[in-house]
Amino acid sequence: MRPHVQKVEKVVGIGFQPGLDSSKIVSASQAGDIQFLDIRNQRDRYLTIDAHRGSLTALAVHRHAPILASGSAKQLIKVFSLDGDQLGTIRYHQQACFHCWWNQT
């Protein structure tokens, strides 16, 4: 698969949900887009979210809940459903966000 070909940028995160559908992969590029891919259909992505404007630095996919979070160098974290709907925003950290993860407890 070759995601993010329309904007040649570094892929900064990739994840999947073993608890829900392990055939679907989420990929995020530094350009700010998040693409949803189905490994059974290697030709096309099935959903693209323009999450951030050229500053996406981190991606985390929850292992069991149908949500993901993306972080940016502009001190912004966005939470999305796996349908592409934005569920929330967390703003203004002290430093740029380079890692996102879900607490497993």
PDB file of N, CA and C in Angstrom:
ATOM      1  N   MET A   1       0.839  -1.182   0.000  1.00  0.00           N
ATOM      2  CA  MET A   1       0.000   0.000   0.000  1.00  0.00           C
ATOM      3  C   MET A   1       0.876   1.234   0.000  1.00  0.00           C
ATOM      4  N   ARG A   2       0.370   2.293  -0.610  1.00  0.00           N
ATOM      5  CA  ARG A   2       1.101   3.545  -0.653  1.00  0.00           C
ATOM      6  C   ARG A   2       0.179   4.680  -0.216  1.00  0.00           C
ATOM      7  N   PRO A   3      -0.041   4.826   1.085  1.00  0.00           N
ATOM      8  CA  PRO A   3      -0.879   5.935   1.540  1.00  0.00           C
ATOM      9  C   PRO A   3      -0.136   7.260   1.460  1.00  0.00           C
ATOM     10  N   HIS A   4      -0.875   8.320   1.504  1.00  0.00           N
ATOM     11  CA  HIS A   4      -0.352   9.694   1.554  1.00  0.00           C
ATOM     12  C   HIS A   4       0.453  10.053   0.308  1.00  0.00           C
ATOM     13  N   VAL A   5       0.061   9.550  -0.863  1.00  0.00           N
ATOM     14  CA  VAL A   5       0.817   9.845  -2.076  1.00  0.00           C
ATOM     15  C   VAL A   5       0.510  11.223  -2.651  1.00  0.00           C
ATOM     16  N   GLN A   6      -0.651  11.807  -2.331  1.00  0.00           N
ATOM     17  CA  GLN A   6      -0.972  13.124  -2.874  1.00  0.00           C
ATOM     18  C   GLN A   6      -0.105  14.210  -2.251  1.00  0.00           C
ATOM     19  N   LYS A   7       0.358  14.008  -1.018  1.00  0.00           N
ATOM     20  CA  LYS A   7       1.282  14.912  -0.339  1.00  0.00           C
ATOM     21  C   LYS A   7       2.430  14.043   0.161  1.00  0.00           C
ATOM     22  N   VAL A   8       3.565  14.131  -0.482  1.00  0.00           N
ATOM     23  CA  VAL A   8       4.675  13.263  -0.108  1.00  0.00           C
ATOM     24  C   VAL A   8       5.273  13.778   1.196  1.00  0.00           C
ATOM     25  N   GLU A   9       4.872  13.177   2.277  1.00  0.00           N
ATOM     26  CA  GLU A   9       5.328  13.563   3.601  1.00  0.00           C
ATOM     27  C   GLU A   9       5.661  12.317   4.411  1.00  0.00           C
ATOM     28  N   LYS A  10       6.357  12.518   5.485  1.00  0.00           N
ATOM     29  CA  LYS A  10       6.744  11.443   6.388  1.00  0.00           C
ATOM     30  C   LYS A  10       5.513  10.883   7.105  1.00  0.00           C
ATOM     31  N   VAL A  11       5.401   9.558   7.167  1.00  0.00           N
ATOM     32  CA  VAL A  11       4.360   8.909   7.960  1.00  0.00           C
ATOM     33  C   VAL A  11       4.820   8.945   9.412  1.00  0.00           C
ATOM     34  N   VAL A  12       4.007   9.531  10.287  1.00  0.00           N
ATOM     35  CA  VAL A  12       4.408   9.707  11.691  1.00  0.00           C
ATOM     36  C   VAL A  12       3.698   8.744  12.632  1.00  0.00           C
ATOM     37  N   GLY A  13       2.692   8.046  12.145  1.00  0.00           N
ATOM     38  CA  GLY A  13       1.988   7.099  13.006  1.00  0.00           C
ATOM     39  C   GLY A  13       1.191   6.104  12.199  1.00  0.00           C
ATOM     40  N   ILE A  14       1.095   4.904  12.741  1.00  0.00           N
ATOM     41  CA  ILE A  14       0.284   3.859  12.125  1.00  0.00           C
ATOM     42  C   ILE A  14      -0.280   2.999  13.248  1.00  0.00           C
ATOM     43  N   GLY A  15      -1.500   2.538  13.089  1.00  0.00           N
ATOM     44  CA  GLY A  15      -2.112   1.727  14.134  1.00  0.00           C
ATOM     45  C   GLY A  15      -3.261   0.909  13.591  1.00  0.00           C
ATOM     46  N   PHE A  16      -3.719  -0.021  14.408  1.00  0.00           N
ATOM     47  CA  PHE A  16      -4.894  -0.818  14.063  1.00  0.00           C
ATOM     48  C   PHE A  16      -5.575  -1.221  15.355  1.00  0.00           C
ATOM     49  N   GLN A  17      -6.748  -1.815  15.241  1.00  0.00           N
ATOM     50  CA  GLN A  17      -7.536  -2.203  16.404  1.00  0.00           C
ATOM     51  C   GLN A  17      -7.719  -3.700  16.455  1.00  0.00           C
ATOM     52  N   PRO A  18      -6.856  -4.408  17.186  1.00  0.00           N
ATOM     53  CA  PRO A  18      -7.003  -5.858  17.252  1.00  0.00           C
ATOM     54  C   PRO A  18      -8.312  -6.295  17.902  1.00  0.00           C
ATOM     55  N   GLY A  19      -8.890  -5.454  18.748  1.00  0.00           N
ATOM     56  CA  GLY A  19     -10.126  -5.799  19.430  1.00  0.00           C
ATOM     57  C   GLY A  19     -11.370  -5.609  18.581  1.00  0.00           C
ATOM     58  N   LEU A  20     -11.286  -4.831  17.496  1.00  0.00           N
ATOM     59  CA  LEU A  20     -12.461  -4.559  16.669  1.00  0.00           C
ATOM     60  C   LEU A  20     -12.326  -5.153  15.274  1.00  0.00           C
ATOM     61  N   ASP A  21     -11.428  -4.624  14.463  1.00  0.00           N
ATOM     62  CA  ASP A  21     -11.270  -5.109  13.096  1.00  0.00           C
ATOM     63  C   ASP A  21      -9.797  -5.023  12.716  1.00  0.00           C
ATOM     64  N   SER A  22      -9.104  -6.126  12.805  1.00  0.00           N
ATOM     65  CA  SER A  22      -7.657  -6.123  12.573  1.00  0.00           C
ATOM     66  C   SER A  22      -7.286  -6.000  11.094  1.00  0.00           C
ATOM     67  N   SER A  23      -8.250  -5.992  10.188  1.00  0.00           N
ATOM     68  CA  SER A  23      -7.943  -5.831   8.770  1.00  0.00           C
ATOM     69  C   SER A  23      -7.880  -4.362   8.365  1.00  0.00           C
ATOM     70  N   LYS A  24      -8.213  -3.461   9.282  1.00  0.00           N
ATOM     71  CA  LYS A  24      -8.194  -2.038   8.968  1.00  0.00           C
ATOM     72  C   LYS A  24      -7.027  -1.362   9.667  1.00  0.00           C
ATOM     73  N   ILE A  25      -6.308  -0.526   8.915  1.00  0.00           N
ATOM     74  CA  ILE A  25      -5.127   0.172   9.400  1.00  0.00           C
ATOM     75  C   ILE A  25      -5.370   1.670   9.314  1.00  0.00           C
ATOM     76  N   VAL A  26      -4.877   2.406  10.299  1.00  0.00           N
ATOM     77  CA  VAL A  26      -4.946   3.866  10.304  1.00  0.00           C
ATOM     78  C   VAL A  26      -3.520   4.381  10.170  1.00  0.00           C
ATOM     79  N   SER A  27      -3.316   5.329   9.246  1.00  0.00           N
ATOM     80  CA  SER A  27      -1.998   5.885   8.990  1.00  0.00           C
ATOM     81  C   SER A  27      -2.089   7.404   9.013  1.00  0.00           C
ATOM     82  N   ALA A  28      -1.103   8.066   9.633  1.00  0.00           N
ATOM     83  CA  ALA A  28      -1.094   9.525   9.725  1.00  0.00           C
ATOM     84  C   ALA A  28       0.207  10.070   9.161  1.00  0.00           C
ATOM     85  N   SER A  29       0.114  11.157   8.401  1.00  0.00           N
ATOM     86  CA  SER A  29       1.316  11.755   7.831  1.00  0.00           C
ATOM     87  C   SER A  29       1.583  13.120   8.447  1.00  0.00           C
ATOM     88  N   GLN A  30       2.822  13.547   8.323  1.00  0.00           N
ATOM     89  CA  GLN A  30       3.241  14.840   8.838  1.00  0.00           C
ATOM     90  C   GLN A  30       2.479  15.987   8.158  1.00  0.00           C
ATOM     91  N   ALA A  31       1.955  15.742   6.964  1.00  0.00           N
ATOM     92  CA  ALA A  31       1.185  16.762   6.249  1.00  0.00           C
ATOM     93  C   ALA A  31      -0.123  17.098   6.951  1.00  0.00           C
ATOM     94  N   GLY A  32      -0.588  16.210   7.867  1.00  0.00           N
ATOM     95  CA  GLY A  32      -1.789  16.486   8.631  1.00  0.00           C
ATOM     96  C   GLY A  32      -2.975  15.604   8.319  1.00  0.00           C
ATOM     97  N   ASP A  33      -2.832  14.685   7.363  1.00  0.00           N
ATOM     98  CA  ASP A  33      -3.957  13.826   7.013  1.00  0.00           C
ATOM     99  C   ASP A  33      -3.842  12.468   7.690  1.00  0.00           C
ATOM    100  N   ILE A  34      -5.015  11.906   8.016  1.00  0.00           N
ATOM    101  CA  ILE A  34      -5.122  10.570   8.585  1.00  0.00           C
ATOM    102  C   ILE A  34      -5.906   9.736   7.579  1.00  0.00           C
ATOM    103  N   GLN A  35      -5.336   8.596   7.180  1.00  0.00           N
ATOM    104  CA  GLN A  35      -5.988   7.750   6.189  1.00  0.00           C
ATOM    105  C   GLN A  35      -6.323   6.393   6.788  1.00  0.00           C
ATOM    106  N   PHE A  36      -7.501   5.913   6.441  1.00  0.00           N
ATOM    107  CA  PHE A  36      -7.992   4.617   6.886  1.00  0.00           C
ATOM    108  C   PHE A  36      -7.879   3.658   5.714  1.00  0.00           C
ATOM    109  N   LEU A  37      -7.193   2.540   5.924  1.00  0.00           N
ATOM    110  CA  LEU A  37      -6.924   1.577   4.864  1.00  0.00           C
ATOM    111  C   LEU A  37      -7.453   0.206   5.254  1.00  0.00           C
ATOM    112  N   ASP A  38      -7.898  -0.544   4.261  1.00  0.00           N
ATOM    113  CA  ASP A  38      -8.337  -1.925   4.470  1.00  0.00           C
ATOM    114  C   ASP A  38      -7.317  -2.825   3.783  1.00  0.00           C
ATOM    115  N   ILE A  39      -6.611  -3.653   4.537  1.00  0.00           N
ATOM    116  CA  ILE A  39      -5.543  -4.463   3.938  1.00  0.00           C
ATOM    117  C   ILE A  39      -6.082  -5.521   2.975  1.00  0.00           C
ATOM    118  N   ARG A  40      -7.388  -5.772   3.011  1.00  0.00           N
ATOM    119  CA  ARG A  40      -7.977  -6.713   2.057  1.00  0.00           C
ATOM    120  C   ARG A  40      -8.143  -6.072   0.687  1.00  0.00           C
ATOM    121  N   ASN A  41      -8.279  -4.751   0.621  1.00  0.00           N
ATOM    122  CA  ASN A  41      -8.398  -4.001  -0.629  1.00  0.00           C
ATOM    123  C   ASN A  41      -7.221  -3.041  -0.685  1.00  0.00           C
ATOM    124  N   GLN A  42      -6.146  -3.448  -1.316  1.00  0.00           N
ATOM    125  CA  GLN A  42      -4.910  -2.684  -1.268  1.00  0.00           C
ATOM    126  C   GLN A  42      -4.862  -1.528  -2.255  1.00  0.00           C
ATOM    127  N   ARG A  43      -5.902  -1.308  -3.012  1.00  0.00           N
ATOM    128  CA  ARG A  43      -5.868  -0.237  -3.998  1.00  0.00           C
ATOM    129  C   ARG A  43      -6.223   1.127  -3.422  1.00  0.00           C
ATOM    130  N   ASP A  44      -7.229   1.193  -2.590  1.00  0.00           N
ATOM    131  CA  ASP A  44      -7.741   2.491  -2.172  1.00  0.00           C
ATOM    132  C   ASP A  44      -7.869   2.598  -0.665  1.00  0.00           C
ATOM    133  N   ARG A  45      -7.721   3.807  -0.174  1.00  0.00           N
ATOM    134  CA  ARG A  45      -8.075   4.099   1.213  1.00  0.00           C
ATOM    135  C   ARG A  45      -9.587   4.308   1.234  1.00  0.00           C
ATOM    136  N   TYR A  46     -10.233   4.054   2.355  1.00  0.00           N
ATOM    137  CA  TYR A  46     -11.681   4.217   2.375  1.00  0.00           C
ATOM    138  C   TYR A  46     -12.123   5.467   3.119  1.00  0.00           C
ATOM    139  N   LEU A  47     -11.197   6.149   3.779  1.00  0.00           N
ATOM    140  CA  LEU A  47     -11.550   7.385   4.461  1.00  0.00           C
ATOM    141  C   LEU A  47     -10.281   8.194   4.698  1.00  0.00           C
ATOM    142  N   THR A  48     -10.370   9.504   4.492  1.00  0.00           N
ATOM    143  CA  THR A  48      -9.258  10.414   4.790  1.00  0.00           C
ATOM    144  C   THR A  48      -9.793  11.558   5.627  1.00  0.00           C
ATOM    145  N   ILE A  49      -9.083  11.884   6.695  1.00  0.00           N
ATOM    146  CA  ILE A  49      -9.416  13.022   7.547  1.00  0.00           C
ATOM    147  C   ILE A  49      -8.285  14.032   7.421  1.00  0.00           C
ATOM    148  N   ASP A  50      -8.604  15.278   7.146  1.00  0.00           N
ATOM    149  CA  ASP A  50      -7.616  16.354   7.196  1.00  0.00           C
ATOM    150  C   ASP A  50      -7.604  16.870   8.624  1.00  0.00           C
ATOM    151  N   ALA A  51      -6.810  16.244   9.460  1.00  0.00           N
ATOM    152  CA  ALA A  51      -6.855  16.479  10.903  1.00  0.00           C
ATOM    153  C   ALA A  51      -6.125  17.743  11.325  1.00  0.00           C
ATOM    154  N   HIS A  52      -4.959  17.975  10.765  1.00  0.00           N
ATOM    155  CA  HIS A  52      -4.138  19.125  11.139  1.00  0.00           C
ATOM    156  C   HIS A  52      -3.580  19.755   9.875  1.00  0.00           C
ATOM    157  N   ARG A  53      -3.158  20.987   9.967  1.00  0.00           N
ATOM    158  CA  ARG A  53      -2.604  21.680   8.806  1.00  0.00           C
ATOM    159  C   ARG A  53      -1.086  21.596   8.806  1.00  0.00           C
ATOM    160  N   GLY A  54      -0.555  20.500   8.299  1.00  0.00           N
ATOM    161  CA  GLY A  54       0.870  20.370   8.089  1.00  0.00           C
ATOM    162  C   GLY A  54       1.732  20.224   9.318  1.00  0.00           C
ATOM    163  N   SER A  55       1.150  19.793  10.425  1.00  0.00           N
ATOM    164  CA  SER A  55       1.968  19.717  11.636  1.00  0.00           C
ATOM    165  C   SER A  55       1.652  18.497  12.494  1.00  0.00           C
ATOM    166  N   LEU A  56       1.089  17.453  11.912  1.00  0.00           N
ATOM    167  CA  LEU A  56       0.747  16.266  12.691  1.00  0.00           C
ATOM    168  C   LEU A  56       2.028  15.559  13.128  1.00  0.00           C
ATOM    169  N   THR A  57       2.122  15.240  14.409  1.00  0.00           N
ATOM    170  CA  THR A  57       3.341  14.633  14.947  1.00  0.00           C
ATOM    171  C   THR A  57       3.113  13.300  15.641  1.00  0.00           C
ATOM    172  N   ALA A  58       1.856  12.944  15.962  1.00  0.00           N
ATOM    173  CA  ALA A  58       1.608  11.714  16.716  1.00  0.00           C
ATOM    174  C   ALA A  58       0.215  11.168  16.422  1.00  0.00           C
ATOM    175  N   LEU A  59       0.082   9.847  16.546  1.00  0.00           N
ATOM    176  CA  LEU A  59      -1.195   9.173  16.341  1.00  0.00           C
ATOM    177  C   LEU A  59      -1.325   8.048  17.357  1.00  0.00           C
ATOM    178  N   ALA A  60      -2.514   7.908  17.931  1.00  0.00           N
ATOM    179  CA  ALA A  60      -2.801   6.793  18.833  1.00  0.00           C
ATOM    180  C   ALA A  60      -4.195   6.268  18.519  1.00  0.00           C
ATOM    181  N   VAL A  61      -4.290   4.948  18.324  1.00  0.00           N
ATOM    182  CA  VAL A  61      -5.574   4.296  18.078  1.00  0.00           C
ATOM    183  C   VAL A  61      -5.896   3.483  19.327  1.00  0.00           C
ATOM    184  N   HIS A  62      -7.090   3.691  19.876  1.00  0.00           N
ATOM    185  CA  HIS A  62      -7.484   2.946  21.076  1.00  0.00           C
ATOM    186  C   HIS A  62      -7.646   1.479  20.718  1.00  0.00           C
ATOM    187  N   ARG A  63      -7.204   0.598  21.594  1.00  0.00           N
ATOM    188  CA  ARG A  63      -7.227  -0.842  21.298  1.00  0.00           C
ATOM    189  C   ARG A  63      -8.633  -1.430  21.278  1.00  0.00           C
ATOM    190  N   HIS A  64      -9.581  -0.841  21.995  1.00  0.00           N
ATOM    191  CA  HIS A  64     -10.910  -1.449  22.097  1.00  0.00           C
ATOM    192  C   HIS A  64     -12.053  -0.497  21.748  1.00  0.00           C
ATOM    193  N   ALA A  65     -11.925   0.767  22.065  1.00  0.00           N
ATOM    194  CA  ALA A  65     -12.974   1.743  21.739  1.00  0.00           C
ATOM    195  C   ALA A  65     -12.744   2.270  20.322  1.00  0.00           C
ATOM    196  N   PRO A  66     -13.806   2.593  19.589  1.00  0.00           N
ATOM    197  CA  PRO A  66     -13.654   3.047  18.205  1.00  0.00           C
ATOM    198  C   PRO A  66     -13.266   4.525  18.112  1.00  0.00           C
ATOM    199  N   ILE A  67     -12.109   4.878  18.689  1.00  0.00           N
ATOM    200  CA  ILE A  67     -11.631   6.262  18.667  1.00  0.00           C
ATOM    201  C   ILE A  67     -10.121   6.300  18.432  1.00  0.00           C
ATOM    202  N   LEU A  68      -9.650   7.456  17.984  1.00  0.00           N
ATOM    203  CA  LEU A  68      -8.222   7.695  17.824  1.00  0.00           C
ATOM    204  C   LEU A  68      -7.925   9.130  18.205  1.00  0.00           C
ATOM    205  N   ALA A  69      -6.652   9.400  18.492  1.00  0.00           N
ATOM    206  CA  ALA A  69      -6.208  10.749  18.831  1.00  0.00           C
ATOM    207  C   ALA A  69      -4.996  11.095  17.983  1.00  0.00           C
ATOM    208  N   SER A  70      -4.909  12.352  17.587  1.00  0.00           N
ATOM    209  CA  SER A  70      -3.741  12.828  16.845  1.00  0.00           C
ATOM    210  C   SER A  70      -3.220  14.079  17.531  1.00  0.00           C
ATOM    211  N   GLY A  71      -1.902  14.223  17.551  1.00  0.00           N
ATOM    212  CA  GLY A  71      -1.264  15.378  18.174  1.00  0.00           C
ATOM    213  C   GLY A  71      -0.494  16.175  17.148  1.00  0.00           C
ATOM    214  N   SER A  72      -0.305  17.458  17.435  1.00  0.00           N
ATOM    215  CA  SER A  72       0.402  18.315  16.495  1.00  0.00           C
ATOM    216  C   SER A  72       1.488  19.125  17.188  1.00  0.00           C
ATOM    217  N   ALA A  73       2.394  19.659  16.377  1.00  0.00           N
ATOM    218  CA  ALA A  73       3.447  20.527  16.879  1.00  0.00           C
ATOM    219  C   ALA A  73       2.875  21.874  17.322  1.00  0.00           C
ATOM    220  N   LYS A  74       1.639  22.138  16.982  1.00  0.00           N
ATOM    221  CA  LYS A  74       0.978  23.388  17.378  1.00  0.00           C
ATOM    222  C   LYS A  74       0.246  23.250  18.708  1.00  0.00           C
ATOM    223  N   GLN A  75       0.655  22.271  19.521  1.00  0.00           N
ATOM    224  CA  GLN A  75       0.126  22.060  20.868  1.00  0.00           C
ATOM    225  C   GLN A  75      -1.378  21.786  20.861  1.00  0.00           C
ATOM    226  N   LEU A  76      -1.783  20.861  20.003  1.00  0.00           N
ATOM    227  CA  LEU A  76      -3.192  20.555  19.825  1.00  0.00           C
ATOM    228  C   LEU A  76      -3.363  19.043  19.681  1.00  0.00           C
ATOM    229  N   ILE A  77      -4.310  18.475  20.414  1.00  0.00           N
ATOM    230  CA  ILE A  77      -4.670  17.063  20.286  1.00  0.00           C
ATOM    231  C   ILE A  77      -6.132  17.003  19.866  1.00  0.00           C
ATOM    232  N   LYS A  78      -6.406  16.215  18.832  1.00  0.00           N
ATOM    233  CA  LYS A  78      -7.783  16.038  18.357  1.00  0.00           C
ATOM    234  C   LYS A  78      -8.174  14.577  18.513  1.00  0.00           C
ATOM    235  N   VAL A  79      -9.407  14.351  18.924  1.00  0.00           N
ATOM    236  CA  VAL A  79      -9.943  13.006  19.105  1.00  0.00           C
ATOM    237  C   VAL A  79     -11.026  12.789  18.040  1.00  0.00           C
ATOM    238  N   PHE A  80     -10.945  11.649  17.342  1.00  0.00           N
ATOM    239  CA  PHE A  80     -11.869  11.327  16.262  1.00  0.00           C
ATOM    240  C   PHE A  80     -12.499   9.957  16.483  1.00  0.00           C
ATOM    241  N   SER A  81     -13.707   9.783  15.937  1.00  0.00           N
ATOM    242  CA  SER A  81     -14.297   8.444  15.856  1.00  0.00           C
ATOM    243  C   SER A  81     -13.685   7.758  14.641  1.00  0.00           C
ATOM    244  N   LEU A  82     -13.847   6.450  14.534  1.00  0.00           N
ATOM    245  CA  LEU A  82     -13.336   5.734  13.370  1.00  0.00           C
ATOM    246  C   LEU A  82     -14.194   5.974  12.127  1.00  0.00           C
ATOM    247  N   ASP A  83     -15.274   6.733  12.287  1.00  0.00           N
ATOM    248  CA  ASP A  83     -16.082   7.160  11.140  1.00  0.00           C
ATOM    249  C   ASP A  83     -15.603   8.499  10.593  1.00  0.00           C
ATOM    250  N   GLY A  84     -14.607   9.110  11.269  1.00  0.00           N
ATOM    251  CA  GLY A  84     -14.062  10.381  10.815  1.00  0.00           C
ATOM    252  C   GLY A  84     -14.629  11.600  11.493  1.00  0.00           C
ATOM    253  N   ASP A  85     -15.552  11.422  12.431  1.00  0.00           N
ATOM    254  CA  ASP A  85     -16.146  12.562  13.131  1.00  0.00           C
ATOM    255  C   ASP A  85     -15.212  13.036  14.239  1.00  0.00           C
ATOM    256  N   GLN A  86     -14.997  14.357  14.309  1.00  0.00           N
ATOM    257  CA  GLN A  86     -14.178  14.895  15.393  1.00  0.00           C
ATOM    258  C   GLN A  86     -15.001  14.931  16.668  1.00  0.00           C
ATOM    259  N   LEU A  87     -14.490  14.291  17.726  1.00  0.00           N
ATOM    260  CA  LEU A  87     -15.210  14.179  18.992  1.00  0.00           C
ATOM    261  C   LEU A  87     -14.762  15.210  20.020  1.00  0.00           C
ATOM    262  N   GLY A  88     -13.545  15.695  19.894  1.00  0.00           N
ATOM    263  CA  GLY A  88     -13.051  16.646  20.879  1.00  0.00           C
ATOM    264  C   GLY A  88     -11.693  17.199  20.521  1.00  0.00           C
ATOM    265  N   THR A  89     -11.295  18.235  21.266  1.00  0.00           N
ATOM    266  CA  THR A  89     -10.012  18.899  21.074  1.00  0.00           C
ATOM    267  C   THR A  89      -9.417  19.226  22.429  1.00  0.00           C
ATOM    268  N   ILE A  90      -8.121  19.004  22.567  1.00  0.00           N
ATOM    269  CA  ILE A  90      -7.382  19.390  23.766  1.00  0.00           C
ATOM    270  C   ILE A  90      -6.315  20.367  23.291  1.00  0.00           C
ATOM    271  N   ARG A  91      -6.243  21.544  23.909  1.00  0.00           N
ATOM    272  CA  ARG A  91      -5.353  22.604  23.427  1.00  0.00           C
ATOM    273  C   ARG A  91      -4.270  22.976  24.433  1.00  0.00           C
ATOM    274  N   TYR A  92      -3.226  23.589  23.891  1.00  0.00           N
ATOM    275  CA  TYR A  92      -2.204  24.327  24.629  1.00  0.00           C
ATOM    276  C   TYR A  92      -1.473  23.539  25.696  1.00  0.00           C
ATOM    277  N   HIS A  93      -0.602  22.665  25.251  1.00  0.00           N
ATOM    278  CA  HIS A  93       0.329  22.001  26.152  1.00  0.00           C
ATOM    279  C   HIS A  93       1.560  22.876  26.290  1.00  0.00           C
ATOM    280  N   GLN A  94       2.367  22.587  27.279  1.00  0.00           N
ATOM    281  CA  GLN A  94       3.579  23.369  27.488  1.00  0.00           C
ATOM    282  C   GLN A  94       4.569  23.222  26.336  1.00  0.00           C
ATOM    283  N   GLN A  95       4.635  22.039  25.723  1.00  0.00           N
ATOM    284  CA  GLN A  95       5.556  21.779  24.627  1.00  0.00           C
ATOM    285  C   GLN A  95       4.812  21.050  23.519  1.00  0.00           C
ATOM    286  N   ALA A  96       5.457  20.909  22.382  1.00  0.00           N
ATOM    287  CA  ALA A  96       4.851  20.187  21.262  1.00  0.00           C
ATOM    288  C   ALA A  96       4.566  18.741  21.657  1.00  0.00           C
ATOM    289  N   CYS A  97       3.508  18.176  21.110  1.00  0.00           N
ATOM    290  CA  CYS A  97       3.114  16.790  21.400  1.00  0.00           C
ATOM    291  C   CYS A  97       3.779  15.864  20.389  1.00  0.00           C
ATOM    292  N   PHE A  98       4.632  14.935  20.868  1.00  0.00           N
ATOM    293  CA  PHE A  98       5.301  14.001  19.983  1.00  0.00           C
ATOM    294  C   PHE A  98       4.856  12.558  20.201  1.00  0.00           C
ATOM    295  N   HIS A  99       4.080  12.288  21.248  1.00  0.00           N
ATOM    296  CA  HIS A  99       3.605  10.931  21.508  1.00  0.00           C
ATOM    297  C   HIS A  99       2.186  10.990  22.069  1.00  0.00           C
ATOM    298  N   CYS A 100       1.336  10.097  21.593  1.00  0.00           N
ATOM    299  CA  CYS A 100      -0.007   9.918  22.144  1.00  0.00           C
ATOM    300  C   CYS A 100      -0.159   8.440  22.454  1.00  0.00           C
ATOM    301  N   TRP A 101      -0.834   8.125  23.514  1.00  0.00           N
ATOM    302  CA  TRP A 101      -1.139   6.729  23.835  1.00  0.00           C
ATOM    303  C   TRP A 101      -2.353   6.671  24.740  1.00  0.00           C
ATOM    304  N   TRP A 102      -2.965   5.509  24.812  1.00  0.00           N
ATOM    305  CA  TRP A 102      -4.135   5.286  25.647  1.00  0.00           C
ATOM    306  C   TRP A 102      -3.679   4.543  26.896  1.00  0.00           C
ATOM    307  N   ASN A 103      -4.194   4.935  28.028  1.00  0.00           N
ATOM    308  CA  ASN A 103      -3.932   4.231  29.270  1.00  0.00           C
ATOM    309  C   ASN A 103      -4.677   2.901  29.220  1.00  0.00           C
ATOM    310  N   GLN A 104      -4.004   1.804  29.393  1.00  0.00           N
ATOM    311  CA  GLN A 104      -4.600   0.474  29.246  1.00  0.00           C
ATOM    312  C   GLN A 104      -5.304  -0.004  30.512  1.00  0.00           C
ATOM    313  N   THR A 105      -5.298   0.784  31.578  1.00  0.00           N
ATOM    314  CA  THR A 105      -5.941   0.350  32.815  1.00  0.00           C
ATOM    315  C   THR A 105      -7.395   0.708  32.860  1.00  0.00           C
TER     316      THR A 105
END
